[in-house]
PDB file of N, CA and C in Angstrom:
ATOM      1  N   MET A   1     100.943 123.019 102.974  1.00  0.00           N
ATOM      2  CA  MET A   1     102.362 121.952 101.777  1.00  0.00           C
ATOM      3  C   MET A   1     101.650 120.887 100.619  1.00  0.00           C
ATOM      4  N   THR A   2     103.076 120.609 100.099  1.00  0.00           N
ATOM      5  CA  THR A   2     102.810 120.533  98.416  1.00  0.00           C
ATOM      6  C   THR A   2     103.014 118.388  98.512  1.00  0.00           C
ATOM      7  N   ASN A   3     101.725 118.150  97.432  1.00  0.00           N
ATOM      8  CA  ASN A   3     101.879 116.937  97.063  1.00  0.00           C
ATOM      9  C   ASN A   3     102.921 116.025  96.130  1.00  0.00           C
ATOM     10  N   LEU A   4     102.743 115.091  97.342  1.00  0.00           N
ATOM     11  CA  LEU A   4     104.406 114.177  96.313  1.00  0.00           C
ATOM     12  C   LEU A   4     103.918 113.783  94.940  1.00  0.00           C
ATOM     13  N   ASN A   5     104.825 113.378  94.140  1.00  0.00           N
ATOM     14  CA  ASN A   5     104.671 113.438  92.730  1.00  0.00           C
ATOM     15  C   ASN A   5     104.174 111.780  93.548  1.00  0.00           C
ATOM     16  N   LEU A   6     103.894 111.383  91.818  1.00  0.00           N
ATOM     17  CA  LEU A   6     104.488 109.393  91.514  1.00  0.00           C
ATOM     18  C   LEU A   6     105.203 108.543  92.735  1.00  0.00           C
ATOM     19  N   GLU A   7     106.230 109.441  91.427  1.00  0.00           N
ATOM     20  CA  GLU A   7     108.140 108.431  92.231  1.00  0.00           C
ATOM     21  C   GLU A   7     107.934 109.465  93.083  1.00  0.00           C
ATOM     22  N   GLU A   8     107.534 109.892  93.805  1.00  0.00           N
ATOM     23  CA  GLU A   8     108.493 110.884  95.269  1.00  0.00           C
ATOM     24  C   GLU A   8     107.632 110.660  96.253  1.00  0.00           C
ATOM     25  N   ILE A   9     106.809 109.705  95.723  1.00  0.00           N
ATOM     26  CA  ILE A   9     105.765 108.434  97.096  1.00  0.00           C
ATOM     27  C   ILE A   9     106.105 107.431  96.629  1.00  0.00           C
ATOM     28  N   LYS A  10     106.878 106.816  95.407  1.00  0.00           N
ATOM     29  CA  LYS A  10     107.300 106.002  95.346  1.00  0.00           C
ATOM     30  C   LYS A  10     108.208 105.305  96.930  1.00  0.00           C
ATOM     31  N   ASP A  11     108.880 106.529  96.502  1.00  0.00           N
ATOM     32  CA  ASP A  11     110.757 106.011  97.217  1.00  0.00           C
ATOM     33  C   ASP A  11     110.009 106.157  98.987  1.00  0.00           C
ATOM     34  N   LYS A  12     108.857 107.063  98.950  1.00  0.00           N
ATOM     35  CA  LYS A  12     108.723 107.531 100.004  1.00  0.00           C
ATOM     36  C   LYS A  12     107.927 106.508 101.334  1.00  0.00           C
ATOM     37  N   MET A  13     107.494 105.008  99.732  1.00  0.00           N
ATOM     38  CA  MET A  13     106.959 103.266 100.549  1.00  0.00           C
ATOM     39  C   MET A  13     108.129 102.985 100.803  1.00  0.00           C
ATOM     40  N   LYS A  14     109.319 103.160 100.191  1.00  0.00           N
ATOM     41  CA  LYS A  14     110.086 102.301 100.864  1.00  0.00           C
ATOM     42  C   LYS A  14     110.636 102.781 102.576  1.00  0.00           C
ATOM     43  N   GLU A  15     110.400 103.805 103.353  1.00  0.00           N
ATOM     44  CA  GLU A  15     110.386 104.336 103.722  1.00  0.00           C
ATOM     45  C   GLU A  15     109.849 103.850 104.826  1.00  0.00           C
ATOM     46  N   ILE A  16     109.188 103.091 105.527  1.00  0.00           N
ATOM     47  CA  ILE A  16     106.952 103.098 105.838  1.00  0.00           C
ATOM     48  C   ILE A  16     107.313 101.679 105.885  1.00  0.00           C
ATOM     49  N   ASN A  17     106.637 100.305 106.415  1.00  0.00           N
ATOM     50  CA  ASN A  17     106.474  99.052 106.708  1.00  0.00           C
ATOM     51  C   ASN A  17     105.231  98.676 105.143  1.00  0.00           C
ATOM     52  N   ILE A  18     106.220  96.805 104.500  1.00  0.00           N
ATOM     53  CA  ILE A  18     105.868  97.119 103.675  1.00  0.00           C
ATOM     54  C   ILE A  18     103.936  96.765 103.527  1.00  0.00           C
ATOM     55  N   LEU A  19     104.135  96.284 105.124  1.00  0.00           N
ATOM     56  CA  LEU A  19     102.139  96.254 105.192  1.00  0.00           C
ATOM     57  C   LEU A  19     101.032  97.698 104.555  1.00  0.00           C
ATOM     58  N   TRP A  20     101.763  98.485 104.049  1.00  0.00           N
ATOM     59  CA  TRP A  20     101.058 100.181 103.477  1.00  0.00           C
ATOM     60  C   TRP A  20     101.116  99.377 102.452  1.00  0.00           C
ATOM     61  N   ALA A  21      99.474 100.226 102.257  1.00  0.00           N
ATOM     62  CA  ALA A  21      99.305  99.882 100.709  1.00  0.00           C
ATOM     63  C   ALA A  21      98.823 101.390 100.009  1.00  0.00           C
ATOM     64  N   LEU A  22      99.155 101.546  98.949  1.00  0.00           N
ATOM     65  CA  LEU A  22      99.313 102.803  98.332  1.00  0.00           C
ATOM     66  C   LEU A  22      97.574 103.002  97.512  1.00  0.00           C
ATOM     67  N   GLU A  23      96.465 103.522  97.233  1.00  0.00           N
ATOM     68  CA  GLU A  23      95.596 103.188  97.415  1.00  0.00           C
ATOM     69  C   GLU A  23      94.795 104.840  97.025  1.00  0.00           C
ATOM     70  N   GLY A  24      95.089 105.266  95.603  1.00  0.00           N
ATOM     71  CA  GLY A  24      94.412 106.690  94.557  1.00  0.00           C
ATOM     72  C   GLY A  24      95.510 107.437  95.409  1.00  0.00           C
ATOM     73  N   LYS A  25      94.176 108.250  96.384  1.00  0.00           N
ATOM     74  CA  LYS A  25      95.301 109.660  97.051  1.00  0.00           C
ATOM     75  C   LYS A  25      95.893 109.572  98.596  1.00  0.00           C
ATOM     76  N   LEU A  26      95.033 108.015  98.727  1.00  0.00           N
ATOM     77  CA  LEU A  26      96.165 107.687  99.709  1.00  0.00           C
ATOM     78  C   LEU A  26      96.682 106.358 100.978  1.00  0.00           C
ATOM     79  N   ILE A  27      97.693 106.221 101.490  1.00  0.00           N
ATOM     80  CA  ILE A  27      97.736 105.147 102.318  1.00  0.00           C
ATOM     81  C   ILE A  27      97.370 104.329 103.506  1.00  0.00           C
ATOM     82  N   ARG A  28      97.218 103.120 103.049  1.00  0.00           N
ATOM     83  CA  ARG A  28      96.751 102.419 104.031  1.00  0.00           C
ATOM     84  C   ARG A  28      97.357 101.485 104.514  1.00  0.00           C
ATOM     85  N   ARG A  29      96.395 101.126 105.654  1.00  0.00           N
ATOM     86  CA  ARG A  29      97.734  99.755 107.086  1.00  0.00           C
ATOM     87  C   ARG A  29      95.954  98.961 108.156  1.00  0.00           C
ATOM     88  N   GLU A  30      95.661  97.670 107.961  1.00  0.00           N
ATOM     89  CA  GLU A  30      95.197  97.079 108.422  1.00  0.00           C
ATOM     90  C   GLU A  30      96.249  96.512 109.726  1.00  0.00           C
ATOM     91  N   ILE A  31      95.650  96.558 111.067  1.00  0.00           N
ATOM     92  CA  ILE A  31      96.353  96.046 111.636  1.00  0.00           C
ATOM     93  C   ILE A  31      95.423  95.604 112.756  1.00  0.00           C
ATOM     94  N   VAL A  32      95.799  94.037 112.979  1.00  0.00           N
ATOM     95  CA  VAL A  32      94.796  93.815 114.078  1.00  0.00           C
ATOM     96  C   VAL A  32      95.716  93.243 115.337  1.00  0.00           C
ATOM     97  N   PHE A  33      95.239  93.315 116.741  1.00  0.00           N
ATOM     98  CA  PHE A  33      96.342  92.882 117.600  1.00  0.00           C
ATOM     99  C   PHE A  33      95.219  92.408 118.402  1.00  0.00           C
ATOM    100  N   LYS A  34      95.508  91.663 119.160  1.00  0.00           N
ATOM    101  CA  LYS A  34      95.391  90.374 120.033  1.00  0.00           C
ATOM    102  C   LYS A  34      93.556  90.809 121.490  1.00  0.00           C
ATOM    103  N   ASP A  35      93.371  91.996 121.214  1.00  0.00           N
ATOM    104  CA  ASP A  35      92.107  92.582 121.601  1.00  0.00           C
ATOM    105  C   ASP A  35      91.740  93.461 121.694  1.00  0.00           C
ATOM    106  N   PHE A  36      91.014  93.753 121.802  1.00  0.00           N
ATOM    107  CA  PHE A  36      90.447  94.664 122.083  1.00  0.00           C
ATOM    108  C   PHE A  36      90.935  96.576 122.631  1.00  0.00           C
ATOM    109  N   VAL A  37      91.259  95.702 123.856  1.00  0.00           N
ATOM    110  CA  VAL A  37      91.777  96.878 124.348  1.00  0.00           C
ATOM    111  C   VAL A  37      93.101  96.762 123.673  1.00  0.00           C
ATOM    112  N   GLU A  38      94.082  95.826 123.487  1.00  0.00           N
ATOM    113  CA  GLU A  38      95.336  96.177 122.848  1.00  0.00           C
ATOM    114  C   GLU A  38      94.963  97.472 121.528  1.00  0.00           C
ATOM    115  N   ALA A  39      93.833  97.399 121.052  1.00  0.00           N
ATOM    116  CA  ALA A  39      93.725  98.186 119.640  1.00  0.00           C
ATOM    117  C   ALA A  39      94.016  99.233 120.171  1.00  0.00           C
ATOM    118  N   PHE A  40      92.547  99.923 121.331  1.00  0.00           N
ATOM    119  CA  PHE A  40      91.685 100.687 121.607  1.00  0.00           C
ATOM    120  C   PHE A  40      93.684 101.639 122.595  1.00  0.00           C
ATOM    121  N   SER A  41      94.452 101.016 123.029  1.00  0.00           N
ATOM    122  CA  SER A  41      95.967 101.372 123.232  1.00  0.00           C
ATOM    123  C   SER A  41      96.754 101.867 122.393  1.00  0.00           C
ATOM    124  N   PHE A  42      96.779 101.192 121.154  1.00  0.00           N
ATOM    125  CA  PHE A  42      96.602 101.304 120.267  1.00  0.00           C
ATOM    126  C   PHE A  42      96.808 102.646 119.838  1.00  0.00           C
ATOM    127  N   MET A  43      95.582 103.406 119.395  1.00  0.00           N
ATOM    128  CA  MET A  43      94.990 104.803 119.170  1.00  0.00           C
ATOM    129  C   MET A  43      95.024 105.496 119.621  1.00  0.00           C
ATOM    130  N   THR A  44      95.113 105.216 120.957  1.00  0.00           N
ATOM    131  CA  THR A  44      95.498 106.629 121.139  1.00  0.00           C
ATOM    132  C   THR A  44      96.961 106.206 121.563  1.00  0.00           C
ATOM    133  N   ALA A  45      97.560 106.272 121.530  1.00  0.00           N
ATOM    134  CA  ALA A  45      99.522 106.165 120.744  1.00  0.00           C
ATOM    135  C   ALA A  45      99.677 106.790 119.417  1.00  0.00           C
ATOM    136  N   VAL A  46      98.727 106.324 119.253  1.00  0.00           N
ATOM    137  CA  VAL A  46      98.749 107.156 117.899  1.00  0.00           C
ATOM    138  C   VAL A  46      98.322 108.787 117.758  1.00  0.00           C
ATOM    139  N   ALA A  47      96.688 108.548 118.479  1.00  0.00           N
ATOM    140  CA  ALA A  47      96.426 109.958 118.011  1.00  0.00           C
ATOM    141  C   ALA A  47      96.981 111.054 119.520  1.00  0.00           C
ATOM    142  N   ILE A  48      97.396 110.571 120.028  1.00  0.00           N
ATOM    143  CA  ILE A  48      99.028 111.859 120.805  1.00  0.00           C
ATOM    144  C   ILE A  48     100.059 111.652 119.890  1.00  0.00           C
ATOM    145  N   ILE A  49     100.751 110.894 118.792  1.00  0.00           N
ATOM    146  CA  ILE A  49     101.220 112.144 117.847  1.00  0.00           C
ATOM    147  C   ILE A  49     100.506 112.787 116.654  1.00  0.00           C
ATOM    148  N   ALA A  50     100.615 112.151 116.809  1.00  0.00           N
ATOM    149  CA  ALA A  50      98.617 112.708 115.671  1.00  0.00           C
ATOM    150  C   ALA A  50      98.815 114.534 115.739  1.00  0.00           C
ATOM    151  N   GLU A  51      98.079 115.039 117.266  1.00  0.00           N
ATOM    152  CA  GLU A  51      97.592 115.850 117.456  1.00  0.00           C
ATOM    153  C   GLU A  51      99.290 116.233 118.146  1.00  0.00           C
ATOM    154  N   LYS A  52     100.101 115.686 118.409  1.00  0.00           N
ATOM    155  CA  LYS A  52     101.529 116.988 118.452  1.00  0.00           C
ATOM    156  C   LYS A  52     101.909 117.403 116.836  1.00  0.00           C
ATOM    157  N   SER A  53     101.133 115.910 116.032  1.00  0.00           N
ATOM    158  CA  SER A  53     101.806 116.811 114.537  1.00  0.00           C
ATOM    159  C   SER A  53     101.043 117.799 114.083  1.00  0.00           C
ATOM    160  N   GLY A  54      99.755 117.979 114.398  1.00  0.00           N
ATOM    161  CA  GLY A  54      98.698 117.663 113.580  1.00  0.00           C
ATOM    162  C   GLY A  54      98.412 117.253 112.126  1.00  0.00           C
ATOM    163  N   HIS A  55      98.267 116.142 112.049  1.00  0.00           N
ATOM    164  CA  HIS A  55      98.224 115.805 111.318  1.00  0.00           C
ATOM    165  C   HIS A  55      97.395 113.782 111.745  1.00  0.00           C
ATOM    166  N   HIS A  56      95.781 114.026 111.541  1.00  0.00           N
ATOM    167  CA  HIS A  56      95.158 113.126 111.732  1.00  0.00           C
ATOM    168  C   HIS A  56      94.890 112.079 111.695  1.00  0.00           C
ATOM    169  N   PRO A  57      95.024 111.105 111.272  1.00  0.00           N
ATOM    170  CA  PRO A  57      94.338 109.111 110.541  1.00  0.00           C
ATOM    171  C   PRO A  57      93.181 109.489 110.278  1.00  0.00           C
ATOM    172  N   ASN A  58      92.401 108.701 109.448  1.00  0.00           N
ATOM    173  CA  ASN A  58      91.072 108.338 109.812  1.00  0.00           C
ATOM    174  C   ASN A  58      90.907 106.859 109.595  1.00  0.00           C
ATOM    175  N   TRP A  59      90.575 106.447 110.942  1.00  0.00           N
ATOM    176  CA  TRP A  59      90.494 105.042 110.710  1.00  0.00           C
ATOM    177  C   TRP A  59      89.271 104.690 110.775  1.00  0.00           C
ATOM    178  N   GLU A  60      89.638 103.178 111.042  1.00  0.00           N
ATOM    179  CA  GLU A  60      87.905 101.826 111.760  1.00  0.00           C
ATOM    180  C   GLU A  60      88.437 101.643 112.488  1.00  0.00           C
ATOM    181  N   ASN A  61      87.723 101.328 113.764  1.00  0.00           N
ATOM    182  CA  ASN A  61      88.332  99.954 114.740  1.00  0.00           C
ATOM    183  C   ASN A  61      86.952  99.388 115.197  1.00  0.00           C
ATOM    184  N   VAL A  62      86.642  97.363 114.952  1.00  0.00           N
ATOM    185  CA  VAL A  62      86.233  96.185 115.181  1.00  0.00           C
ATOM    186  C   VAL A  62      86.984  95.660 116.163  1.00  0.00           C
ATOM    187  N   TYR A  63      86.166  96.037 116.289  1.00  0.00           N
ATOM    188  CA  TYR A  63      87.220  94.653 117.761  1.00  0.00           C
ATOM    189  C   TYR A  63      88.228  95.214 118.181  1.00  0.00           C
ATOM    190  N   ASN A  64      89.032  94.192 117.732  1.00  0.00           N
ATOM    191  CA  ASN A  64      91.101  94.334 117.626  1.00  0.00           C
ATOM    192  C   ASN A  64      91.095  95.243 116.291  1.00  0.00           C
ATOM    193  N   LYS A  65      90.890  94.990 115.301  1.00  0.00           N
ATOM    194  CA  LYS A  65      91.293  95.314 113.944  1.00  0.00           C
ATOM    195  C   LYS A  65      90.917  97.183 114.027  1.00  0.00           C
ATOM    196  N   VAL A  66      92.555  97.931 113.464  1.00  0.00           N
ATOM    197  CA  VAL A  66      92.202  99.443 113.067  1.00  0.00           C
ATOM    198  C   VAL A  66      92.439  98.949 112.130  1.00  0.00           C
ATOM    199  N   ILE A  67      91.929 100.301 111.108  1.00  0.00           N
ATOM    200  CA  ILE A  67      92.419 100.344 110.186  1.00  0.00           C
ATOM    201  C   ILE A  67      93.150 101.833 109.569  1.00  0.00           C
ATOM    202  N   ILE A  68      93.930 102.356 109.321  1.00  0.00           N
ATOM    203  CA  ILE A  68      94.179 103.380 108.790  1.00  0.00           C
ATOM    204  C   ILE A  68      94.302 103.826 108.186  1.00  0.00           C
ATOM    205  N   SER A  69      93.430 105.179 106.847  1.00  0.00           N
ATOM    206  CA  SER A  69      94.206 105.685 105.878  1.00  0.00           C
ATOM    207  C   SER A  69      94.728 106.850 106.128  1.00  0.00           C
ATOM    208  N   LEU A  70      95.889 107.578 105.823  1.00  0.00           N
ATOM    209  CA  LEU A  70      96.293 108.433 105.739  1.00  0.00           C
ATOM    210  C   LEU A  70      96.287 109.588 104.208  1.00  0.00           C
ATOM    211  N   SER A  71      96.164 110.593 104.561  1.00  0.00           N
ATOM    212  CA  SER A  71      96.060 111.442 103.176  1.00  0.00           C
ATOM    213  C   SER A  71      95.817 112.980 104.009  1.00  0.00           C
ATOM    214  N   THR A  72      96.329 113.678 103.100  1.00  0.00           N
ATOM    215  CA  THR A  72      96.390 115.050 103.667  1.00  0.00           C
ATOM    216  C   THR A  72      95.189 115.787 102.473  1.00  0.00           C
ATOM    217  N   HIS A  73      94.267 116.215 104.359  1.00  0.00           N
ATOM    218  CA  HIS A  73      93.316 116.192 102.735  1.00  0.00           C
ATOM    219  C   HIS A  73      93.626 117.660 102.172  1.00  0.00           C
ATOM    220  N   ASP A  74      93.706 118.843 102.847  1.00  0.00           N
ATOM    221  CA  ASP A  74      94.074 120.252 102.308  1.00  0.00           C
ATOM    222  C   ASP A  74      94.959 120.171 101.452  1.00  0.00           C
ATOM    223  N   ALA A  75      95.933 119.361 100.961  1.00  0.00           N
ATOM    224  CA  ALA A  75      96.317 118.773  99.939  1.00  0.00           C
ATOM    225  C   ALA A  75      96.003 118.594  98.617  1.00  0.00           C
ATOM    226  N   ASP A  76      94.944 118.479  99.471  1.00  0.00           N
ATOM    227  CA  ASP A  76      94.089 116.433  98.726  1.00  0.00           C
ATOM    228  C   ASP A  76      94.764 115.268  98.162  1.00  0.00           C
ATOM    229  N   GLY A  77      95.268 114.759  98.563  1.00  0.00           N
ATOM    230  CA  GLY A  77      96.786 113.761  97.838  1.00  0.00           C
ATOM    231  C   GLY A  77      98.248 114.258  99.075  1.00  0.00           C
ATOM    232  N   LEU A  78      99.145 112.781  98.705  1.00  0.00           N
ATOM    233  CA  LEU A  78      99.899 112.633  99.771  1.00  0.00           C
ATOM    234  C   LEU A  78     100.749 113.209  99.815  1.00  0.00           C
ATOM    235  N   THR A  79     101.446 113.753 101.054  1.00  0.00           N
ATOM    236  CA  THR A  79     102.601 114.296 101.046  1.00  0.00           C
ATOM    237  C   THR A  79     103.247 114.164 102.267  1.00  0.00           C
ATOM    238  N   GLU A  80     104.099 114.520 102.630  1.00  0.00           N
ATOM    239  CA  GLU A  80     105.807 114.925 103.388  1.00  0.00           C
ATOM    240  C   GLU A  80     104.967 113.647 105.357  1.00  0.00           C
ATOM    241  N   LYS A  81     103.946 114.621 105.581  1.00  0.00           N
ATOM    242  CA  LYS A  81     103.280 114.863 106.533  1.00  0.00           C
ATOM    243  C   LYS A  81     102.328 112.692 106.893  1.00  0.00           C
ATOM    244  N   ASP A  82     102.413 112.743 105.779  1.00  0.00           N
ATOM    245  CA  ASP A  82     101.773 111.341 105.820  1.00  0.00           C
ATOM    246  C   ASP A  82     102.611 110.946 106.032  1.00  0.00           C
ATOM    247  N   PHE A  83     103.849 110.668 105.164  1.00  0.00           N
ATOM    248  CA  PHE A  83     104.770 109.204 105.524  1.00  0.00           C
ATOM    249  C   PHE A  83     105.385 110.225 107.139  1.00  0.00           C
ATOM    250  N   GLN A  84     106.025 110.688 107.360  1.00  0.00           N
ATOM    251  CA  GLN A  84     105.580 111.228 108.931  1.00  0.00           C
ATOM    252  C   GLN A  84     105.078 110.708 109.676  1.00  0.00           C
ATOM    253  N   LEU A  85     103.790 110.587 109.260  1.00  0.00           N
ATOM    254  CA  LEU A  85     102.090 109.925 110.237  1.00  0.00           C
ATOM    255  C   LEU A  85     102.810 108.537 110.066  1.00  0.00           C
ATOM    256  N   ALA A  86     103.560 107.477 109.551  1.00  0.00           N
ATOM    257  CA  ALA A  86     102.823 106.087 108.259  1.00  0.00           C
ATOM    258  C   ALA A  86     104.534 105.645 109.903  1.00  0.00           C
ATOM    259  N   LYS A  87     105.801 106.526 109.887  1.00  0.00           N
ATOM    260  CA  LYS A  87     107.156 106.780 110.480  1.00  0.00           C
ATOM    261  C   LYS A  87     106.155 105.686 111.710  1.00  0.00           C
ATOM    262  N   GLY A  88     105.662 107.441 111.859  1.00  0.00           N
ATOM    263  CA  GLY A  88     105.088 107.076 113.948  1.00  0.00           C
ATOM    264  C   GLY A  88     104.930 105.927 113.922  1.00  0.00           C
ATOM    265  N   ILE A  89     103.788 105.786 113.008  1.00  0.00           N
ATOM    266  CA  ILE A  89     102.284 104.246 114.000  1.00  0.00           C
ATOM    267  C   ILE A  89     103.290 103.733 113.559  1.00  0.00           C
ATOM    268  N   ASP A  90     104.748 102.925 112.427  1.00  0.00           N
ATOM    269  CA  ASP A  90     104.786 101.959 112.701  1.00  0.00           C
ATOM    270  C   ASP A  90     105.790 101.713 113.412  1.00  0.00           C
ATOM    271  N   GLU A  91     106.587 102.250 114.356  1.00  0.00           N
ATOM    272  CA  GLU A  91     106.923 102.459 115.183  1.00  0.00           C
ATOM    273  C   GLU A  91     105.733 102.026 116.265  1.00  0.00           C
ATOM    274  N   ILE A  92     104.893 102.430 116.897  1.00  0.00           N
ATOM    275  CA  ILE A  92     103.780 102.571 117.750  1.00  0.00           C
ATOM    276  C   ILE A  92     103.485 101.079 118.030  1.00  0.00           C
ATOM    277  N   VAL A  93     103.770 100.690 116.600  1.00  0.00           N
ATOM    278  CA  VAL A  93     103.344  99.070 116.246  1.00  0.00           C
ATOM    279  C   VAL A  93     103.655  97.901 116.428  1.00  0.00           C
ATOM    280  N   LYS A  94     105.340  98.344 116.584  1.00  0.00           N
ATOM    281  CA  LYS A  94     106.429  97.394 116.900  1.00  0.00           C
ATOM    282  C   LYS A  94     106.489  97.375 117.886  1.00  0.00           C
ATOM    283  N   ASN A  95     105.555  98.461 119.688  1.00  0.00           N
ATOM    284  CA  ASN A  95     105.297  98.474 120.803  1.00  0.00           C
ATOM    285  C   ASN A  95     104.700  97.960 121.176  1.00  0.00           C
ATOM    286  N   HIS A  96     103.439  97.826 120.140  1.00  0.00           N
ATOM    287  CA  HIS A  96     101.860  96.761 120.639  1.00  0.00           C
ATOM    288  C   HIS A  96     101.888  95.737 120.176  1.00  0.00           C
ATOM    289  N   ILE A  97     102.612  95.632 119.696  1.00  0.00           N
ATOM    290  CA  ILE A  97     102.281  93.886 118.725  1.00  0.00           C
ATOM    291  C   ILE A  97     103.718  93.429 119.487  1.00  0.00           C
ATOM    292  N   GLN A  98     103.742  92.485 120.018  1.00  0.00           N
ATOM    293  CA  GLN A  98     104.632  91.308 121.503  1.00  0.00           C
ATOM    294  C   GLN A  98     104.103  89.586 119.745  1.00  0.00           C
TER     295      GLN A  98
END
């Protein structure tokens, strides 16, 4: 998998939710849910799409907050896989936050 250059990354950032932030070689998003059950349900849904795509997030969960970081470790940077997963995560967020 080939790393995206800065211009490609800027273009891809326009395709995902504005709450994703570019931080060096990764993109990061923090999501706050109503409670732990809602946060865990969201994480389960993300785990399913991540496993199907063979691309897994780095994440933290504290009660109702989930912080997700995406980067392609094999490429040591951002690739198309990261932005595809971010789009999938954005769709799941829409369905989990009312």
